[in-house]
Every structure is written in C-alpha cells, then in structure tokens.
C-alpha atoms as a PDB file:
ATOM      1  CA  MET A   1      96.930 -65.927  57.068  1.00  0.00           C
ATOM      2  CA  LYS A   2      94.152 -66.226  55.006  1.00  0.00           C
ATOM      3  CA  LYS A   3      92.309 -62.885  53.590  1.00  0.00           C
ATOM      4  CA  ASN A   4      88.971 -62.779  54.596  1.00  0.00           C
ATOM      5  CA  GLU A   5      88.442 -66.040  56.038  1.00  0.00           C
ATOM      6  CA  LEU A   6      85.673 -65.207  58.676  1.00  0.00           C
ATOM      7  CA  ASN A   7      82.200 -63.918  57.022  1.00  0.00           C
ATOM      8  CA  ILE A   8      81.204 -61.587  60.808  1.00  0.00           C
ATOM      9  CA  THR A   9      78.436 -58.731  61.393  1.00  0.00           C
ATOM     10  CA  PHE A  10      79.847 -57.361  64.434  1.00  0.00           C
ATOM     11  CA  LYS A  11      76.765 -55.647  66.863  1.00  0.00           C
ATOM     12  CA  SER A  12      78.953 -54.860  69.325  1.00  0.00           C
ATOM     13  CA  ASN A  13      79.026 -50.548  68.894  1.00  0.00           C
ATOM     14  CA  SER A  14      82.931 -50.655  69.018  1.00  0.00           C
ATOM     15  CA  LEU A  15      83.266 -52.930  66.073  1.00  0.00           C
ATOM     16  CA  ASN A  16      79.858 -51.884  64.113  1.00  0.00           C
ATOM     17  CA  GLY A  17      80.913 -50.852  60.252  1.00  0.00           C
ATOM     18  CA  SER A  18      84.306 -52.449  60.572  1.00  0.00           C
ATOM     19  CA  THR A  19      85.250 -55.186  58.373  1.00  0.00           C
ATOM     20  CA  VAL A  20      87.925 -57.895  58.249  1.00  0.00           C
ATOM     21  CA  LYS A  21      90.710 -57.210  56.335  1.00  0.00           C
ATOM     22  CA  SER A  22      92.465 -61.075  57.372  1.00  0.00           C
ATOM     23  CA  THR A  23      92.696 -63.341  59.691  1.00  0.00           C
ATOM     24  CA  GLU A  24      95.333 -64.566  61.380  1.00  0.00           C
ATOM     25  CA  ILE A  25      95.001 -68.745  63.545  1.00  0.00           C
ATOM     26  CA  LEU A  26      97.121 -67.875  66.848  1.00  0.00           C
ATOM     27  CA  GLN A  27      96.647 -71.560  68.054  1.00  0.00           C
ATOM     28  CA  GLU A  28      93.976 -74.654  68.046  1.00  0.00           C
ATOM     29  CA  LEU A  29      92.446 -75.370  71.464  1.00  0.00           C
ATOM     30  CA  TRP A  30      93.278 -78.298  73.611  1.00  0.00           C
ATOM     31  CA  SER A  31      91.810 -81.216  72.430  1.00  0.00           C
ATOM     32  CA  GLY A  32      90.576 -79.620  69.144  1.00  0.00           C
ATOM     33  CA  TYR A  33      87.774 -77.715  70.435  1.00  0.00           C
ATOM     34  CA  GLY A  34      88.007 -75.064  68.294  1.00  0.00           C
ATOM     35  CA  SER A  35      90.290 -72.076  67.805  1.00  0.00           C
ATOM     36  CA  ILE A  36      92.041 -68.932  68.794  1.00  0.00           C
ATOM     37  CA  LYS A  37      92.488 -66.265  65.560  1.00  0.00           C
ATOM     38  CA  ARG A  38      93.443 -62.707  65.408  1.00  0.00           C
ATOM     39  CA  ILE A  39      91.222 -61.138  63.431  1.00  0.00           C
ATOM     40  CA  TYR A  40      92.512 -57.635  61.849  1.00  0.00           C
ATOM     41  CA  LEU A  41      90.243 -54.510  60.778  1.00  0.00           C
ATOM     42  CA  ASP A  42      89.720 -52.053  58.518  1.00  0.00           C
ATOM     43  CA  ASN A  43      87.045 -48.987  59.004  1.00  0.00           C
ATOM     44  CA  ASN A  44      87.302 -48.788  62.882  1.00  0.00           C
ATOM     45  CA  THR A  45      89.109 -46.479  64.942  1.00  0.00           C
ATOM     46  CA  CYS A  46      89.416 -48.408  67.959  1.00  0.00           C
ATOM     47  CA  TYR A  47      90.954 -51.374  67.281  1.00  0.00           C
ATOM     48  CA  ASN A  48      93.290 -52.323  64.487  1.00  0.00           C
ATOM     49  CA  SER A  49      92.885 -55.946  65.531  1.00  0.00           C
ATOM     50  CA  ILE A  50      91.504 -58.460  68.066  1.00  0.00           C
ATOM     51  CA  ILE A  51      91.403 -61.577  69.233  1.00  0.00           C
ATOM     52  CA  ALA A  52      88.516 -64.120  68.851  1.00  0.00           C
ATOM     53  CA  LYS A  53      88.080 -67.439  70.421  1.00  0.00           C
ATOM     54  CA  HIS A  54      86.304 -69.814  68.742  1.00  0.00           C
ATOM     55  CA  ILE A  55      84.701 -72.999  70.465  1.00  0.00           C
ATOM     56  CA  ASN A  56      82.591 -75.520  68.667  1.00  0.00           C
ATOM     57  CA  ALA A  57      82.307 -78.447  71.020  1.00  0.00           C
ATOM     58  CA  ASP A  58      79.584 -80.268  69.584  1.00  0.00           C
ATOM     59  CA  SER A  59      81.043 -83.859  69.930  1.00  0.00           C
ATOM     60  CA  LEU A  60      83.790 -85.387  72.005  1.00  0.00           C
ATOM     61  CA  LYS A  61      87.452 -85.173  70.825  1.00  0.00           C
ATOM     62  CA  SER A  62      91.010 -87.597  71.231  1.00  0.00           C
ATOM     63  CA  HIS A  63      92.543 -86.581  73.821  1.00  0.00           C
ATOM     64  CA  PRO A  64      96.235 -86.009  73.249  1.00  0.00           C
ATOM     65  CA  ARG A  65      97.331 -87.964  76.117  1.00  0.00           C
ATOM     66  CA  GLY A  66      94.376 -90.654  75.736  1.00  0.00           C
ATOM     67  CA  TRP A  67      92.080 -89.653  78.391  1.00  0.00           C
ATOM     68  CA  SER A  68      88.996 -89.444  75.874  1.00  0.00           C
ATOM     69  CA  ASN A  69      85.607 -89.718  77.301  1.00  0.00           C
ATOM     70  CA  ASP A  70      82.375 -88.224  78.284  1.00  0.00           C
ATOM     71  CA  PHE A  71      82.992 -87.020  81.706  1.00  0.00           C
ATOM     72  CA  SER A  72      86.432 -85.270  80.390  1.00  0.00           C
ATOM     73  CA  HIS A  73      84.416 -83.881  76.658  1.00  0.00           C
ATOM     74  CA  GLN A  74      81.591 -81.874  80.006  1.00  0.00           C
ATOM     75  CA  ARG A  75      84.972 -80.505  81.999  1.00  0.00           C
ATOM     76  CA  LYS A  76      86.120 -78.857  78.795  1.00  0.00           C
ATOM     77  CA  LEU A  77      82.795 -78.095  77.136  1.00  0.00           C
ATOM     78  CA  SER A  78      82.241 -76.400  80.899  1.00  0.00           C
ATOM     79  CA  SER A  79      85.988 -74.443  81.546  1.00  0.00           C
ATOM     80  CA  TYR A  80      84.650 -72.688  78.365  1.00  0.00           C
ATOM     81  CA  GLN A  81      81.141 -71.497  79.483  1.00  0.00           C
ATOM     82  CA  ILE A  82      82.768 -70.521  83.074  1.00  0.00           C
ATOM     83  CA  GLU A  83      85.466 -68.489  80.717  1.00  0.00           C
ATOM     84  CA  LEU A  84      82.801 -66.592  79.147  1.00  0.00           C
ATOM     85  CA  GLU A  85      81.014 -65.992  82.884  1.00  0.00           C
ATOM     86  CA  PHE A  86      84.528 -64.123  84.073  1.00  0.00           C
ATOM     87  CA  PHE A  87      84.596 -61.963  81.344  1.00  0.00           C
ATOM     88  CA  GLU A  88      81.039 -61.012  81.191  1.00  0.00           C
ATOM     89  CA  ASN A  89      80.830 -60.419  84.980  1.00  0.00           C
ATOM     90  CA  TRP A  90      83.863 -60.611  86.604  1.00  0.00           C
ATOM     91  CA  ALA A  91      87.188 -59.574  84.238  1.00  0.00           C
ATOM     92  CA  MET A  92      86.100 -55.548  84.395  1.00  0.00           C
ATOM     93  CA  LEU A  93      87.330 -55.941  88.592  1.00  0.00           C
ATOM     94  CA  CYS A  94      90.885 -56.630  86.682  1.00  0.00           C
ATOM     95  CA  GLN A  95      92.706 -53.101  86.736  1.00  0.00           C
ATOM     96  CA  ASP A  96      96.062 -52.368  85.361  1.00  0.00           C
ATOM     97  CA  GLU A  97      97.892 -54.766  87.655  1.00  0.00           C
ATOM     98  CA  CYS A  98      95.972 -57.491  87.472  1.00  0.00           C
ATOM     99  CA  LYS A  99      95.492 -56.522  83.215  1.00  0.00           C
ATOM    100  CA  VAL A 100      93.198 -59.244  81.520  1.00  0.00           C
ATOM    101  CA  PRO A 101      91.337 -58.409  77.886  1.00  0.00           C
ATOM    102  CA  LYS A 102      88.532 -56.400  78.154  1.00  0.00           C
ATOM    103  CA  LEU A 103      85.578 -58.595  76.155  1.00  0.00           C
ATOM    104  CA  ILE A 104      84.146 -56.766  73.392  1.00  0.00           C
ATOM    105  CA  GLU A 105      81.383 -59.382  72.104  1.00  0.00           C
ATOM    106  CA  VAL A 106      79.883 -62.982  72.369  1.00  0.00           C
ATOM    107  CA  GLN A 107      78.068 -64.520  68.977  1.00  0.00           C
ATOM    108  CA  LYS A 108      77.046 -67.677  70.103  1.00  0.00           C
ATOM    109  CA  GLN A 109      75.871 -71.009  67.799  1.00  0.00           C
ATOM    110  CA  SER A 110      74.519 -72.608  70.845  1.00  0.00           C
ATOM    111  CA  LYS A 111      75.534 -73.828  74.468  1.00  0.00           C
ATOM    112  CA  SER A 112      78.350 -75.633  72.802  1.00  0.00           C
ATOM    113  CA  ASN A 113      79.600 -73.344  70.084  1.00  0.00           C
ATOM    114  CA  PHE A 114      80.399 -69.856  70.069  1.00  0.00           C
ATOM    115  CA  ILE A 115      83.280 -66.987  69.733  1.00  0.00           C
ATOM    116  CA  ILE A 116      84.422 -64.675  72.545  1.00  0.00           C
ATOM    117  CA  TYR A 117      85.649 -61.458  71.068  1.00  0.00           C
ATOM    118  CA  MET A 118      88.117 -59.739  73.201  1.00  0.00           C
ATOM    119  CA  GLU A 119      90.527 -57.345  73.248  1.00  0.00           C
ATOM    120  CA  ASP A 120      94.086 -58.151  71.482  1.00  0.00           C
ATOM    121  CA  MET A 121      97.127 -57.954  74.212  1.00  0.00           C
ATOM    122  CA  ASN A 122      99.217 -56.938  71.294  1.00  0.00           C
ATOM    123  CA  GLU A 123      97.024 -53.507  70.925  1.00  0.00           C
ATOM    124  CA  ILE A 124      96.866 -52.822  74.990  1.00  0.00           C
ATOM    125  CA  GLY A 125     100.648 -53.285  75.418  1.00  0.00           C
ATOM    126  CA  PHE A 126     101.278 -56.438  75.930  1.00  0.00           C
ATOM    127  CA  PRO A 127     103.264 -57.457  72.890  1.00  0.00           C
ATOM    128  CA  SER A 128     105.828 -60.001  73.758  1.00  0.00           C
ATOM    129  CA  THR A 129     105.211 -63.818  75.607  1.00  0.00           C
ATOM    130  CA  PHE A 130     108.732 -65.874  76.559  1.00  0.00           C
ATOM    131  CA  GLN A 131     109.528 -68.744  76.659  1.00  0.00           C
ATOM    132  CA  GLU A 132     112.152 -68.372  79.593  1.00  0.00           C
ATOM    133  CA  ILE A 133     112.371 -65.297  81.501  1.00  0.00           C
ATOM    134  CA  THR A 134     114.312 -63.820  84.385  1.00  0.00           C
ATOM    135  CA  TRP A 135     113.965 -63.248  87.572  1.00  0.00           C
ATOM    136  CA  GLU A 136     112.382 -59.783  86.694  1.00  0.00           C
ATOM    137  CA  GLN A 137     110.111 -60.697  84.802  1.00  0.00           C
ATOM    138  CA  ALA A 138     109.392 -63.491  86.710  1.00  0.00           C
ATOM    139  CA  LYS A 139     108.529 -60.818  89.084  1.00  0.00           C
ATOM    140  CA  ALA A 140     106.241 -59.006  86.853  1.00  0.00           C
ATOM    141  CA  CYS A 141     103.655 -61.668  86.906  1.00  0.00           C
ATOM    142  CA  ILE A 142     104.250 -62.875  90.704  1.00  0.00           C
ATOM    143  CA  LYS A 143     102.779 -59.735  90.773  1.00  0.00           C
ATOM    144  CA  TRP A 144      99.632 -59.713  88.296  1.00  0.00           C
ATOM    145  CA  LEU A 145      99.149 -63.065  90.550  1.00  0.00           C
ATOM    146  CA  ALA A 146      99.306 -60.880  93.534  1.00  0.00           C
ATOM    147  CA  ASN A 147      97.073 -58.355  92.835  1.00  0.00           C
ATOM    148  CA  PHE A 148      94.314 -60.636  91.240  1.00  0.00           C
ATOM    149  CA  HIS A 149      93.917 -62.251  94.805  1.00  0.00           C
ATOM    150  CA  ALA A 150      93.694 -59.712  96.098  1.00  0.00           C
ATOM    151  CA  THR A 151      91.268 -58.194  93.730  1.00  0.00           C
ATOM    152  CA  PHE A 152      88.983 -60.929  94.482  1.00  0.00           C
ATOM    153  CA  LEU A 153      89.818 -62.058  97.951  1.00  0.00           C
ATOM    154  CA  ASN A 154      86.837 -63.624 100.062  1.00  0.00           C
ATOM    155  CA  LYS A 155      84.856 -63.190  97.135  1.00  0.00           C
ATOM    156  CA  GLU A 156      82.319 -66.196  95.712  1.00  0.00           C
ATOM    157  CA  PRO A 157      83.168 -67.240  92.508  1.00  0.00           C
ATOM    158  CA  LYS A 158      79.419 -66.997  91.302  1.00  0.00           C
ATOM    159  CA  GLY A 159      79.519 -68.862  87.714  1.00  0.00           C
ATOM    160  CA  LEU A 160      82.414 -70.232  87.731  1.00  0.00           C
ATOM    161  CA  TRP A 161      83.986 -72.965  89.152  1.00  0.00           C
ATOM    162  CA  GLU A 162      83.510 -73.437  92.767  1.00  0.00           C
ATOM    163  CA  THR A 163      86.738 -75.007  93.336  1.00  0.00           C
ATOM    164  CA  GLY A 164      89.067 -73.736  90.875  1.00  0.00           C
ATOM    165  CA  THR A 165      92.153 -75.131  89.111  1.00  0.00           C
ATOM    166  CA  TYR A 166      92.010 -77.026  86.051  1.00  0.00           C
ATOM    167  CA  TRP A 167      93.800 -80.329  88.287  1.00  0.00           C
ATOM    168  CA  HIS A 168      91.285 -80.445  91.235  1.00  0.00           C
ATOM    169  CA  LEU A 169      90.730 -83.733  92.531  1.00  0.00           C
ATOM    170  CA  ASN A 170      87.545 -83.463  91.920  1.00  0.00           C
ATOM    171  CA  THR A 171      87.480 -83.027  88.388  1.00  0.00           C
ATOM    172  CA  ARG A 172      90.622 -85.988  87.878  1.00  0.00           C
ATOM    173  CA  PRO A 173      88.958 -89.482  88.884  1.00  0.00           C
ATOM    174  CA  ASN A 174      90.971 -91.315  86.127  1.00  0.00           C
ATOM    175  CA  GLU A 175      94.280 -89.430  87.004  1.00  0.00           C
ATOM    176  CA  LEU A 176      94.137 -90.911  90.481  1.00  0.00           C
ATOM    177  CA  LYS A 177      92.849 -93.589  89.847  1.00  0.00           C
ATOM    178  CA  SER A 178      96.123 -94.671  87.011  1.00  0.00           C
ATOM    179  CA  MET A 179      98.264 -92.845  89.684  1.00  0.00           C
ATOM    180  CA  PRO A 180     100.990 -95.940  91.796  1.00  0.00           C
ATOM    181  CA  GLU A 181      99.944 -96.610  95.725  1.00  0.00           C
ATOM    182  CA  SER A 182     101.969 -94.088  97.382  1.00  0.00           C
ATOM    183  CA  SER A 183     101.303 -91.984 100.792  1.00  0.00           C
ATOM    184  CA  LEU A 184     100.237 -88.894  98.052  1.00  0.00           C
ATOM    185  CA  LYS A 185      97.855 -91.005  96.502  1.00  0.00           C
ATOM    186  CA  LYS A 186      96.450 -92.318  99.969  1.00  0.00           C
ATOM    187  CA  ASN A 187      96.320 -88.327 101.272  1.00  0.00           C
ATOM    188  CA  ALA A 188      95.297 -86.529  98.212  1.00  0.00           C
ATOM    189  CA  ALA A 189      91.559 -86.383 100.185  1.00  0.00           C
ATOM    190  CA  PHE A 190      93.054 -84.616 102.908  1.00  0.00           C
ATOM    191  CA  ILE A 191      94.913 -82.363 100.986  1.00  0.00           C
ATOM    192  CA  ASP A 192      93.113 -81.296  98.419  1.00  0.00           C
ATOM    193  CA  ARG A 193      90.598 -80.651 101.870  1.00  0.00           C
ATOM    194  CA  LYS A 194      93.644 -78.768 103.875  1.00  0.00           C
ATOM    195  CA  LEU A 195      93.968 -76.356 100.778  1.00  0.00           C
ATOM    196  CA  SER A 196      90.132 -75.737 100.386  1.00  0.00           C
ATOM    197  CA  SER A 197      89.052 -75.374 104.473  1.00  0.00           C
ATOM    198  CA  GLY A 198      91.180 -72.550 104.892  1.00  0.00           C
ATOM    199  CA  LYS A 199      89.238 -69.707 106.229  1.00  0.00           C
ATOM    200  CA  TYR A 200      91.078 -66.686 103.311  1.00  0.00           C
ATOM    201  CA  LYS A 201      90.018 -67.325 100.328  1.00  0.00           C
ATOM    202  CA  THR A 202      90.511 -65.961  96.756  1.00  0.00           C
ATOM    203  CA  PHE A 203      89.316 -67.065  93.014  1.00  0.00           C
ATOM    204  CA  VAL A 204      92.284 -68.702  91.385  1.00  0.00           C
ATOM    205  CA  HIS A 205      93.675 -68.347  87.839  1.00  0.00           C
ATOM    206  CA  GLY A 206      94.046 -71.967  87.442  1.00  0.00           C
ATOM    207  CA  ASP A 207      95.928 -72.303  84.544  1.00  0.00           C
ATOM    208  CA  ALA A 208      98.340 -69.493  85.097  1.00  0.00           C
ATOM    209  CA  LYS A 209     101.588 -71.149  83.168  1.00  0.00           C
ATOM    210  CA  LEU A 210     104.195 -69.125  81.729  1.00  0.00           C
ATOM    211  CA  ALA A 211     102.388 -69.450  78.640  1.00  0.00           C
ATOM    212  CA  ASN A 212      99.624 -67.722  79.305  1.00  0.00           C
ATOM    213  CA  PHE A 213     100.835 -64.411  80.491  1.00  0.00           C
ATOM    214  CA  CYS A 214     101.918 -61.325  77.862  1.00  0.00           C
ATOM    215  CA  PHE A 215     104.487 -58.978  78.493  1.00  0.00           C
ATOM    216  CA  SER A 216     105.107 -54.906  78.257  1.00  0.00           C
ATOM    217  CA  GLN A 217     107.705 -54.106  75.437  1.00  0.00           C
ATOM    218  CA  ASN A 218     110.421 -54.253  78.450  1.00  0.00           C
ATOM    219  CA  GLY A 219     108.969 -57.258  79.940  1.00  0.00           C
ATOM    220  CA  ASP A 220     108.169 -55.181  83.423  1.00  0.00           C
ATOM    221  CA  LYS A 221     104.666 -55.778  83.750  1.00  0.00           C
ATOM    222  CA  ALA A 222     102.498 -58.459  82.769  1.00  0.00           C
ATOM    223  CA  GLY A 223      98.629 -59.562  81.663  1.00  0.00           C
ATOM    224  CA  ALA A 224      97.242 -62.930  81.753  1.00  0.00           C
ATOM    225  CA  VAL A 225      94.484 -64.266  78.890  1.00  0.00           C
ATOM    226  CA  ASP A 226      92.851 -68.120  79.289  1.00  0.00           C
ATOM    227  CA  PHE A 227      90.779 -68.052  82.143  1.00  0.00           C
ATOM    228  CA  GLN A 228      89.336 -71.637  81.520  1.00  0.00           C
ATOM    229  CA  TYR A 229      90.085 -72.619  84.712  1.00  0.00           C
ATOM    230  CA  VAL A 230      89.130 -69.558  87.260  1.00  0.00           C
ATOM    231  CA  GLY A 231      87.172 -70.533  90.464  1.00  0.00           C
ATOM    232  CA  GLY A 232      87.630 -70.185  94.498  1.00  0.00           C
ATOM    233  CA  GLY A 233      90.551 -71.387  96.142  1.00  0.00           C
ATOM    234  CA  CYS A 234      94.429 -70.623  97.749  1.00  0.00           C
ATOM    235  CA  GLY A 235      96.400 -68.252  95.951  1.00  0.00           C
ATOM    236  CA  MET A 236      99.063 -70.650  96.758  1.00  0.00           C
ATOM    237  CA  LYS A 237      97.901 -73.072  93.712  1.00  0.00           C
ATOM    238  CA  ASP A 238      98.714 -70.617  91.462  1.00  0.00           C
ATOM    239  CA  LEU A 239     101.892 -68.919  92.927  1.00  0.00           C
ATOM    240  CA  ALA A 240     103.190 -72.917  92.801  1.00  0.00           C
ATOM    241  CA  TYR A 241     101.854 -73.578  89.443  1.00  0.00           C
ATOM    242  CA  PHE A 242     103.796 -70.566  87.566  1.00  0.00           C
ATOM    243  CA  ILE A 243     106.711 -71.153  89.246  1.00  0.00           C
ATOM    244  CA  GLY A 244     107.045 -74.761  88.087  1.00  0.00           C
ATOM    245  CA  SER A 245     106.127 -73.720  84.939  1.00  0.00           C
ATOM    246  CA  CYS A 246     108.688 -70.951  84.652  1.00  0.00           C
ATOM    247  CA  MET A 247     111.860 -72.470  86.990  1.00  0.00           C
ATOM    248  CA  ASN A 248     113.949 -75.684  86.809  1.00  0.00           C
ATOM    249  CA  GLU A 249     115.284 -77.544  90.350  1.00  0.00           C
ATOM    250  CA  LYS A 250     118.093 -75.814  90.857  1.00  0.00           C
ATOM    251  CA  GLU A 251     115.767 -72.365  90.222  1.00  0.00           C
ATOM    252  CA  CYS A 252     112.836 -73.314  92.425  1.00  0.00           C
ATOM    253  CA  PHE A 253     115.408 -73.892  95.225  1.00  0.00           C
ATOM    254  CA  GLN A 254     117.266 -70.699  94.620  1.00  0.00           C
ATOM    255  CA  TYR A 255     114.282 -68.259  94.565  1.00  0.00           C
ATOM    256  CA  GLU A 256     111.987 -70.197  97.108  1.00  0.00           C
ATOM    257  CA  LYS A 257     112.325 -67.603 100.113  1.00  0.00           C
ATOM    258  CA  ASP A 258     112.440 -64.117  97.509  1.00  0.00           C
ATOM    259  CA  VAL A 259     108.955 -65.822  95.780  1.00  0.00           C
ATOM    260  CA  LEU A 260     106.877 -65.927  98.786  1.00  0.00           C
ATOM    261  CA  ASP A 261     108.578 -62.679  99.881  1.00  0.00           C
ATOM    262  CA  PHE A 262     107.942 -60.562  96.969  1.00  0.00           C
ATOM    263  CA  TYR A 263     104.049 -62.334  96.675  1.00  0.00           C
ATOM    264  CA  PHE A 264     102.959 -61.300  99.941  1.00  0.00           C
ATOM    265  CA  ASN A 265     104.638 -57.433  99.859  1.00  0.00           C
ATOM    266  CA  GLU A 266     102.589 -57.286  96.591  1.00  0.00           C
ATOM    267  CA  LEU A 267      99.644 -58.488  97.658  1.00  0.00           C
ATOM    268  CA  GLN A 268      99.858 -56.276 100.828  1.00  0.00           C
ATOM    269  CA  LYS A 269     100.618 -53.659  98.859  1.00  0.00           C
ATOM    270  CA  ALA A 270      97.663 -54.211  96.251  1.00  0.00           C
ATOM    271  CA  LEU A 271      95.124 -54.922  99.710  1.00  0.00           C
ATOM    272  CA  THR A 272      96.206 -51.689 100.955  1.00  0.00           C
ATOM    273  CA  VAL A 273      95.182 -49.763  97.898  1.00  0.00           C
ATOM    274  CA  LEU A 274      91.963 -51.947  97.503  1.00  0.00           C
ATOM    275  CA  ASP A 275      91.261 -50.366 100.617  1.00  0.00           C
ATOM    276  CA  ILE A 276      90.680 -54.026 101.783  1.00  0.00           C
ATOM    277  CA  ARG A 277      91.066 -54.088 105.645  1.00  0.00           C
ATOM    278  CA  PHE A 278      91.588 -57.114 107.949  1.00  0.00           C
ATOM    279  CA  ASN A 279      94.726 -59.406 109.737  1.00  0.00           C
ATOM    280  CA  PHE A 280      97.275 -59.548 107.013  1.00  0.00           C
ATOM    281  CA  SER A 281     100.042 -61.826 108.825  1.00  0.00           C
ATOM    282  CA  GLU A 282      96.965 -64.044 109.899  1.00  0.00           C
ATOM    283  CA  LEU A 283      96.524 -64.663 106.100  1.00  0.00           C
ATOM    284  CA  GLU A 284     100.154 -64.559 105.346  1.00  0.00           C
ATOM    285  CA  SER A 285     100.909 -67.713 107.882  1.00  0.00           C
ATOM    286  CA  GLU A 286      98.119 -69.276 106.220  1.00  0.00           C
ATOM    287  CA  TRP A 287      98.883 -69.595 102.655  1.00  0.00           C
ATOM    288  CA  ARG A 288     102.432 -70.051 104.245  1.00  0.00           C
ATOM    289  CA  GLN A 289     101.696 -72.657 105.614  1.00  0.00           C
ATOM    290  CA  LEU A 290      99.738 -73.938 102.656  1.00  0.00           C
ATOM    291  CA  TYR A 291     102.531 -73.315  99.696  1.00  0.00           C
ATOM    292  CA  PRO A 292     103.598 -77.143 100.323  1.00  0.00           C
ATOM    293  CA  PHE A 293     100.040 -78.751 100.039  1.00  0.00           C
ATOM    294  CA  ALA A 294      99.326 -76.548  96.868  1.00  0.00           C
ATOM    295  CA  TRP A 295     102.889 -77.859  95.209  1.00  0.00           C
ATOM    296  CA  ALA A 296     101.112 -81.385  96.522  1.00  0.00           C
ATOM    297  CA  ASP A 297      98.081 -80.909  94.916  1.00  0.00           C
ATOM    298  CA  PHE A 298      99.772 -80.766  91.326  1.00  0.00           C
ATOM    299  CA  GLU A 299     102.375 -83.333  91.622  1.00  0.00           C
ATOM    300  CA  ARG A 300      99.470 -85.764  92.290  1.00  0.00           C
ATOM    301  CA  PHE A 301      98.119 -84.344  88.961  1.00  0.00           C
ATOM    302  CA  LEU A 302     100.502 -84.991  87.791  1.00  0.00           C
ATOM    303  CA  LEU A 303     101.892 -88.495  89.107  1.00  0.00           C
ATOM    304  CA  GLY A 304      98.240 -89.965  87.512  1.00  0.00           C
ATOM    305  CA  TRP A 305      98.212 -87.826  84.399  1.00  0.00           C
ATOM    306  CA  SER A 306     101.538 -87.505  82.638  1.00  0.00           C
ATOM    307  CA  PRO A 307     104.225 -89.632  85.510  1.00  0.00           C
ATOM    308  CA  ASN A 308     107.414 -88.849  83.347  1.00  0.00           C
ATOM    309  CA  HIS A 309     106.930 -85.073  82.892  1.00  0.00           C
ATOM    310  CA  TRP A 310     109.555 -82.741  83.354  1.00  0.00           C
ATOM    311  CA  LYS A 311     107.859 -81.231  86.268  1.00  0.00           C
ATOM    312  CA  LEU A 312     108.033 -84.039  88.662  1.00  0.00           C
ATOM    313  CA  ASN A 313     111.419 -83.024  90.032  1.00  0.00           C
ATOM    314  CA  GLN A 314     113.301 -83.371  93.504  1.00  0.00           C
ATOM    315  CA  TYR A 315     112.292 -79.738  94.310  1.00  0.00           C
ATOM    316  CA  SER A 316     108.209 -80.857  93.888  1.00  0.00           C
ATOM    317  CA  GLN A 317     109.094 -83.711  95.624  1.00  0.00           C
ATOM    318  CA  ILE A 318     110.663 -82.416  98.209  1.00  0.00           C
ATOM    319  CA  MET A 319     107.731 -79.829  99.097  1.00  0.00           C
ATOM    320  CA  THR A 320     105.052 -82.720  98.712  1.00  0.00           C
ATOM    321  CA  ASN A 321     107.043 -84.899 101.609  1.00  0.00           C
ATOM    322  CA  LYS A 322     106.529 -81.315 103.768  1.00  0.00           C
ATOM    323  CA  ALA A 323     103.153 -81.397 103.162  1.00  0.00           C
ATOM    324  CA  LEU A 324     102.556 -84.756 103.445  1.00  0.00           C
ATOM    325  CA  ASP A 325     105.092 -85.090 107.222  1.00  0.00           C
ATOM    326  CA  ILE A 326     102.028 -82.436 108.460  1.00  0.00           C
ATOM    327  CA  VAL A 327      99.528 -84.861 107.110  1.00  0.00           C
ATOM    328  CA  HIS A 328     101.569 -87.270 109.521  1.00  0.00           C
END
C-alpha cells in the first residue's frame, strides 16, 4: 500500500473534497492493460473506500498464452469501453438481487486511457471472495444470474456486445484455427447459431466465473463485478460457464439437476417480481435444450486456447456430445 500514490481531483458531488489516504493494488489487468486499486479516502461522508479500474491500453501488449496481435488488442480495448457503457447506461437497472457496484465517476485521458471509479463491494455488504464454495454459496451466484437475466430479458444490448461472452466464436478466429479437426470444430458455427437464434434472449454477464463474484459476510448473497463481456445471448451461457468455474467433474454430475431446477425457479420468481409476463414454460424448455450447447460452445474455445485446461473433463465432454448428437 502506498501513501498518496494518486494525485486525484474528484469531480462528483459524492467525492468532492475527499482526499486520498492510501491506495492498494488489488489486481493487474489481463495482459498488462492497467490495474484495479482500492482507494482509501479521508473527508468523505459517503465512502471509506472506492475502487478505481484504470485502463491504459495505448499500445499492444503481450498475452500470457501467446495470443498477441492487433485483433486481440482491439477486442480487449472494446471490452473496457463496453464495460464503461454498461456502468453508465445499464447498471442502474440492477436491483439488490443482482447487485453490481454503482458507478461514481469516470476520468478520461483518451479512448484507451481512462479510470472508472465505482463502489467498493466490501463497503456495500459483499466483503468476501472464495476460491472454493459450498452448494449453498453456489446457489447465491445462481440466484444472482437468474435475477440478472430476468432484468434484461428481451432487451436490445445497445452499446454492448451484440453477442456477449469473451469466448464468442466471431471474436476467437485464432483459437478456432488452432483446434484439432473434430466434429466440434466442424459444427462450431452451427452451435453458435443455435445459441443465438433462440426466441428468448437476455444480457449475459459474459465472464461469470467464481472469481467475479463477491459474497455477503455469511455467504448467502452474491454481487458481481467485471462487465467487459456483457452482451446479448442465452442465459445458459453464463450458467454453464459459472458451474464449470466452481465445480469439479464429480460435482457437475452430482448437481446438474439441482443447478437447473434452482436456476429456473429463481428466474421465474424474478420475472414475477418484475411483472414480466409471457409463456415461462416455453422459455424454460428452450433454454434447457440449449444448456448442452452452452457447454459445447465453451469447450470449443478451450480446445483452441488451452487444450490441457482443467475445465476440460468427462462432464464437459458428455455435454458437448449431447449437443453434437442433436446437430447430427
């Protein structure tokens, strides 16, 4: 932690007059595109601390797995601009059941160099993060996803990714090219179209891994951060990706029915609270059929990006084969 590391003049009313007591680097951004810091404040009645996400992407950076070119640079740069768009124009629609940090202020040096100041999740009741979780804690994240998807059901993702998720096929041509020849590679475009052509669409978080969830003190409620890949799509993409991020192969088999049943129960409750009325059984039927396709879509990315990744296991292969059986 470094004293007075940042020379900041805040403009927002909620921060005006505040002074920076100290800062703490929480995380370096992927491929060296900046950093996330916690800023401790003096002379502020609203916040003891806030989070500053500083994006500085003025030059092409090196990728830790070797994917370093202008295409990937532009994808990452777009992702930060889309995250800013989400916070400025969409995040305020998220209520307590899908809590996200509130945007406080933005300071722009250029299109590729700016700072997003937002609420510190620690300060608003979500101080805990976990590397491993119980089923009850997993349910808190699934409930968050269900409420997020209900909030944005059938909304047009204006200003966001047309198709959300960081592994979307059209944004990953290099990884597809690197895949060994297989039925999955041959049918990658069909799987992508299948996920995108459903009647019911929402906004997906796009990177809903366990590391992007914060928890209440007792772990019964979750909030989420990191909205670089938020955009349109089927909610099953988030659900499959989240389960793959926090459950091992045995647990994926064990909890599959519970995961889906709990998700759709929470989704229906959220839509009722929001007074969004339509044929829910039709949505549930469509999305349950697309669940294996969501697994297959991410498996396609992993096989091209990191073919020895621990998330590639017997369960993900079985789900991929279910999707491919439907294709054939």
